[in-house]
N, C-alpha and C. Protein backbone atom coordinates (compact mmCIF):
# COMPACT_ATOMS: atom_id res chain seq x y z
N UNK A 1 1.18 60.82 -45.04
CA UNK A 1 1.65 60.73 -46.41
C UNK A 1 3.16 60.81 -46.44
N UNK A 2 3.76 60.24 -47.44
CA UNK A 2 5.21 60.23 -47.59
C UNK A 2 5.71 61.61 -48.00
N UNK A 3 6.93 61.93 -47.59
CA UNK A 3 7.55 63.19 -47.97
C UNK A 3 7.76 63.21 -49.48
N UNK A 4 7.53 64.37 -50.10
CA UNK A 4 7.69 64.48 -51.53
C UNK A 4 9.15 64.58 -51.94
N UNK A 5 9.97 65.17 -51.13
CA UNK A 5 11.38 65.36 -51.42
C UNK A 5 12.21 64.92 -50.22
N UNK A 6 13.42 64.52 -50.47
CA UNK A 6 14.31 64.17 -49.37
C UNK A 6 15.65 64.82 -49.61
N UNK A 7 16.04 65.86 -48.89
CA UNK A 7 15.26 66.54 -47.87
C UNK A 7 14.16 67.38 -48.50
N UNK A 8 13.17 67.70 -47.71
CA UNK A 8 12.00 68.42 -48.21
C UNK A 8 12.29 69.91 -48.31
N UNK A 9 13.18 70.28 -49.23
CA UNK A 9 13.47 71.69 -49.42
C UNK A 9 13.89 71.94 -50.86
N UNK A 10 13.63 73.13 -51.29
CA UNK A 10 14.05 73.59 -52.60
C UNK A 10 15.06 74.71 -52.40
N UNK A 11 16.17 74.64 -53.10
CA UNK A 11 17.21 75.66 -52.98
C UNK A 11 16.91 76.81 -53.93
N UNK A 12 17.00 78.03 -53.40
CA UNK A 12 16.75 79.23 -54.18
C UNK A 12 17.98 80.11 -54.12
N UNK A 13 18.41 80.60 -55.27
CA UNK A 13 19.52 81.54 -55.34
C UNK A 13 18.95 82.91 -55.66
N UNK A 14 19.20 83.88 -54.79
CA UNK A 14 18.70 85.25 -54.96
C UNK A 14 19.75 86.07 -55.70
N UNK A 15 19.61 86.18 -57.02
CA UNK A 15 20.59 86.88 -57.84
C UNK A 15 20.22 88.35 -58.00
N UNK A 16 21.18 89.21 -57.75
CA UNK A 16 20.97 90.64 -57.93
C UNK A 16 22.27 91.38 -57.72
N UNK A 17 22.32 92.64 -58.14
CA UNK A 17 23.57 93.40 -58.05
C UNK A 17 23.92 93.77 -56.61
N UNK A 18 25.19 93.58 -56.27
CA UNK A 18 25.69 93.99 -54.95
C UNK A 18 26.72 95.11 -55.06
N UNK A 19 27.20 95.37 -56.25
CA UNK A 19 28.25 96.38 -56.44
C UNK A 19 27.83 97.39 -57.50
N UNK A 20 28.52 98.52 -57.49
CA UNK A 20 28.31 99.58 -58.48
C UNK A 20 26.88 100.11 -58.48
N UNK A 21 26.28 100.17 -57.31
CA UNK A 21 24.92 100.71 -57.15
C UNK A 21 24.98 102.06 -56.46
N UNK A 22 24.01 102.90 -56.74
CA UNK A 22 23.84 104.11 -55.95
C UNK A 22 23.34 103.69 -54.57
N UNK A 23 23.38 104.59 -53.61
CA UNK A 23 22.88 104.28 -52.28
C UNK A 23 21.41 103.88 -52.32
N UNK A 24 20.62 104.60 -53.11
CA UNK A 24 19.19 104.29 -53.23
C UNK A 24 18.99 102.90 -53.84
N UNK A 25 19.75 102.58 -54.87
CA UNK A 25 19.62 101.27 -55.51
C UNK A 25 20.08 100.16 -54.56
N UNK A 26 21.12 100.40 -53.80
CA UNK A 26 21.58 99.40 -52.82
C UNK A 26 20.49 99.11 -51.80
N UNK A 27 19.79 100.16 -51.34
CA UNK A 27 18.69 99.97 -50.39
C UNK A 27 17.55 99.18 -51.04
N UNK A 28 17.23 99.53 -52.29
CA UNK A 28 16.16 98.81 -53.01
C UNK A 28 16.52 97.34 -53.18
N UNK A 29 17.75 97.06 -53.56
CA UNK A 29 18.18 95.67 -53.76
C UNK A 29 18.14 94.89 -52.45
N UNK A 30 18.58 95.51 -51.38
CA UNK A 30 18.53 94.85 -50.07
C UNK A 30 17.09 94.57 -49.67
N UNK A 31 16.18 95.48 -49.98
CA UNK A 31 14.76 95.30 -49.65
C UNK A 31 14.16 94.15 -50.45
N UNK A 32 14.50 94.05 -51.73
CA UNK A 32 14.00 92.95 -52.56
C UNK A 32 14.48 91.62 -52.01
N UNK A 33 15.77 91.53 -51.64
CA UNK A 33 16.30 90.28 -51.08
C UNK A 33 15.63 89.97 -49.75
N UNK A 34 15.37 90.97 -48.95
CA UNK A 34 14.71 90.78 -47.66
C UNK A 34 13.30 90.24 -47.84
N UNK A 35 12.56 90.80 -48.78
CA UNK A 35 11.20 90.34 -49.06
C UNK A 35 11.22 88.90 -49.55
N UNK A 36 12.13 88.60 -50.46
CA UNK A 36 12.24 87.25 -51.00
C UNK A 36 12.51 86.24 -49.88
N UNK A 37 13.45 86.57 -48.99
CA UNK A 37 13.77 85.66 -47.89
C UNK A 37 12.60 85.54 -46.91
N UNK A 38 11.90 86.64 -46.65
CA UNK A 38 10.78 86.61 -45.72
C UNK A 38 9.62 85.78 -46.29
N UNK A 39 9.29 86.00 -47.54
CA UNK A 39 8.15 85.29 -48.15
C UNK A 39 8.48 83.81 -48.34
N UNK A 40 9.61 83.52 -48.96
CA UNK A 40 9.94 82.12 -49.20
C UNK A 40 10.37 81.40 -47.93
N UNK A 41 10.98 82.13 -47.02
CA UNK A 41 11.43 81.52 -45.77
C UNK A 41 10.28 81.04 -44.90
N UNK A 42 9.10 81.63 -45.07
CA UNK A 42 7.95 81.23 -44.27
C UNK A 42 7.07 80.22 -45.00
N UNK A 43 7.41 79.90 -46.23
CA UNK A 43 6.61 78.98 -47.04
C UNK A 43 6.77 77.56 -46.54
N UNK A 44 5.67 76.86 -46.41
CA UNK A 44 5.71 75.45 -46.04
C UNK A 44 4.46 74.80 -46.61
N UNK A 45 4.65 73.94 -47.58
CA UNK A 45 3.53 73.22 -48.18
C UNK A 45 3.81 71.74 -48.04
N UNK A 46 3.07 71.07 -47.21
CA UNK A 46 3.23 69.65 -46.95
C UNK A 46 4.68 69.30 -46.62
N UNK A 47 5.31 70.17 -45.85
CA UNK A 47 6.68 69.91 -45.41
C UNK A 47 7.76 70.37 -46.35
N UNK A 48 7.40 70.91 -47.50
CA UNK A 48 8.40 71.42 -48.44
C UNK A 48 8.70 72.87 -48.09
N UNK A 49 9.97 73.18 -47.94
CA UNK A 49 10.40 74.53 -47.58
C UNK A 49 11.43 75.02 -48.58
N UNK A 50 11.64 76.32 -48.59
CA UNK A 50 12.67 76.93 -49.42
C UNK A 50 13.89 77.27 -48.57
N UNK A 51 15.06 77.03 -49.12
CA UNK A 51 16.31 77.49 -48.53
C UNK A 51 16.85 78.56 -49.46
N UNK A 52 16.83 79.81 -49.02
CA UNK A 52 17.25 80.92 -49.87
C UNK A 52 18.71 81.26 -49.59
N UNK A 53 19.53 81.24 -50.64
CA UNK A 53 20.91 81.69 -50.55
C UNK A 53 20.96 83.11 -51.08
N UNK A 54 21.37 84.03 -50.23
CA UNK A 54 21.51 85.44 -50.58
C UNK A 54 22.99 85.79 -50.54
N UNK A 55 23.62 86.04 -51.70
CA UNK A 55 25.03 86.42 -51.70
C UNK A 55 25.31 87.64 -50.83
N UNK A 56 24.30 88.50 -50.65
CA UNK A 56 24.46 89.67 -49.80
C UNK A 56 24.68 89.33 -48.34
N UNK A 57 24.33 88.11 -47.95
CA UNK A 57 24.58 87.66 -46.58
C UNK A 57 25.94 86.99 -46.42
N UNK A 58 26.53 86.55 -47.53
CA UNK A 58 27.75 85.74 -47.46
C UNK A 58 28.95 86.42 -48.09
N UNK A 59 28.79 86.90 -49.31
CA UNK A 59 29.93 87.43 -50.07
C UNK A 59 29.73 88.90 -50.42
N UNK A 60 29.10 89.64 -49.55
CA UNK A 60 28.84 91.06 -49.79
C UNK A 60 30.15 91.82 -49.92
N UNK A 61 30.13 92.97 -50.62
CA UNK A 61 31.34 93.79 -50.71
C UNK A 61 31.88 94.10 -49.31
N UNK A 62 33.17 93.95 -49.16
CA UNK A 62 33.80 94.18 -47.86
C UNK A 62 33.96 92.91 -47.05
N UNK A 63 33.43 91.78 -47.55
CA UNK A 63 33.61 90.52 -46.82
C UNK A 63 35.07 90.09 -46.92
N UNK A 64 35.42 89.10 -46.15
CA UNK A 64 36.81 88.63 -46.13
C UNK A 64 37.14 87.72 -47.31
N UNK A 65 36.20 87.49 -48.20
CA UNK A 65 36.41 86.59 -49.33
C UNK A 65 37.23 87.26 -50.43
N UNK A 66 38.09 86.47 -51.05
CA UNK A 66 38.81 86.96 -52.23
C UNK A 66 37.85 86.98 -53.40
N UNK A 67 38.16 87.74 -54.46
CA UNK A 67 37.30 87.71 -55.65
C UNK A 67 37.09 86.29 -56.19
N UNK A 68 38.12 85.47 -56.13
CA UNK A 68 38.01 84.09 -56.61
C UNK A 68 37.04 83.29 -55.75
N UNK A 69 37.11 83.48 -54.43
CA UNK A 69 36.20 82.78 -53.52
C UNK A 69 34.75 83.23 -53.75
N UNK A 70 34.56 84.52 -53.96
CA UNK A 70 33.21 85.04 -54.23
C UNK A 70 32.65 84.35 -55.47
N UNK A 71 33.45 84.32 -56.53
CA UNK A 71 33.00 83.67 -57.77
C UNK A 71 32.67 82.20 -57.52
N UNK A 72 33.58 81.48 -56.88
CA UNK A 72 33.40 80.05 -56.66
C UNK A 72 32.16 79.76 -55.80
N UNK A 73 32.02 80.49 -54.70
CA UNK A 73 30.86 80.28 -53.81
C UNK A 73 29.55 80.55 -54.52
N UNK A 74 29.48 81.68 -55.20
CA UNK A 74 28.22 82.07 -55.83
C UNK A 74 27.92 81.22 -57.06
N UNK A 75 28.95 80.83 -57.78
CA UNK A 75 28.74 79.93 -58.92
C UNK A 75 28.21 78.59 -58.42
N UNK A 76 28.82 78.05 -57.39
CA UNK A 76 28.37 76.77 -56.84
C UNK A 76 26.92 76.84 -56.37
N UNK A 77 26.57 77.90 -55.65
CA UNK A 77 25.21 78.03 -55.13
C UNK A 77 24.19 78.20 -56.26
N UNK A 78 24.56 78.92 -57.31
CA UNK A 78 23.62 79.09 -58.43
C UNK A 78 23.43 77.78 -59.20
N UNK A 79 24.49 77.00 -59.33
CA UNK A 79 24.39 75.72 -60.04
C UNK A 79 23.57 74.72 -59.23
N UNK A 80 23.71 74.73 -57.92
CA UNK A 80 22.99 73.80 -57.07
C UNK A 80 21.53 74.19 -56.85
N UNK A 81 21.17 75.41 -57.19
CA UNK A 81 19.82 75.90 -56.93
C UNK A 81 18.78 75.20 -57.79
N UNK A 82 17.61 74.99 -57.20
CA UNK A 82 16.45 74.50 -57.94
C UNK A 82 15.73 75.65 -58.64
N UNK A 83 15.90 76.84 -58.08
CA UNK A 83 15.25 78.04 -58.60
C UNK A 83 16.19 79.21 -58.43
N UNK A 84 16.33 80.02 -59.48
CA UNK A 84 17.13 81.24 -59.40
C UNK A 84 16.18 82.41 -59.63
N UNK A 85 16.19 83.36 -58.70
CA UNK A 85 15.37 84.57 -58.83
C UNK A 85 16.31 85.70 -59.18
N UNK A 86 16.11 86.30 -60.36
CA UNK A 86 16.93 87.41 -60.83
C UNK A 86 16.24 88.72 -60.50
N UNK A 87 16.97 89.60 -59.84
CA UNK A 87 16.49 90.97 -59.61
C UNK A 87 17.30 91.85 -60.56
N UNK A 88 16.67 92.26 -61.66
CA UNK A 88 17.35 93.03 -62.69
C UNK A 88 17.00 94.50 -62.48
N UNK A 89 18.03 95.34 -62.42
CA UNK A 89 17.80 96.75 -62.09
C UNK A 89 18.01 97.69 -63.26
N UNK A 90 18.61 97.21 -64.34
CA UNK A 90 18.84 98.09 -65.50
C UNK A 90 18.41 97.40 -66.77
């Protein structure tokens, strides 16, 4: 059968707080992102896969990115995403 998408992937943006969290909340947020990447990263239906962008892997606090770069990178990834998953903590 022909591929449904070219390329056969859906982009996912994992949105959630990375700053101003308690230690416990930071651990919870990291766990949610980890679960999302593990579940969606292993998904494959007729060749369709998910590509999960996690800002915590790229623009986490303490990264070498300027605040402007963080905004630009994350804005671009969220706009390009086919699906945005919001992890709301408050």
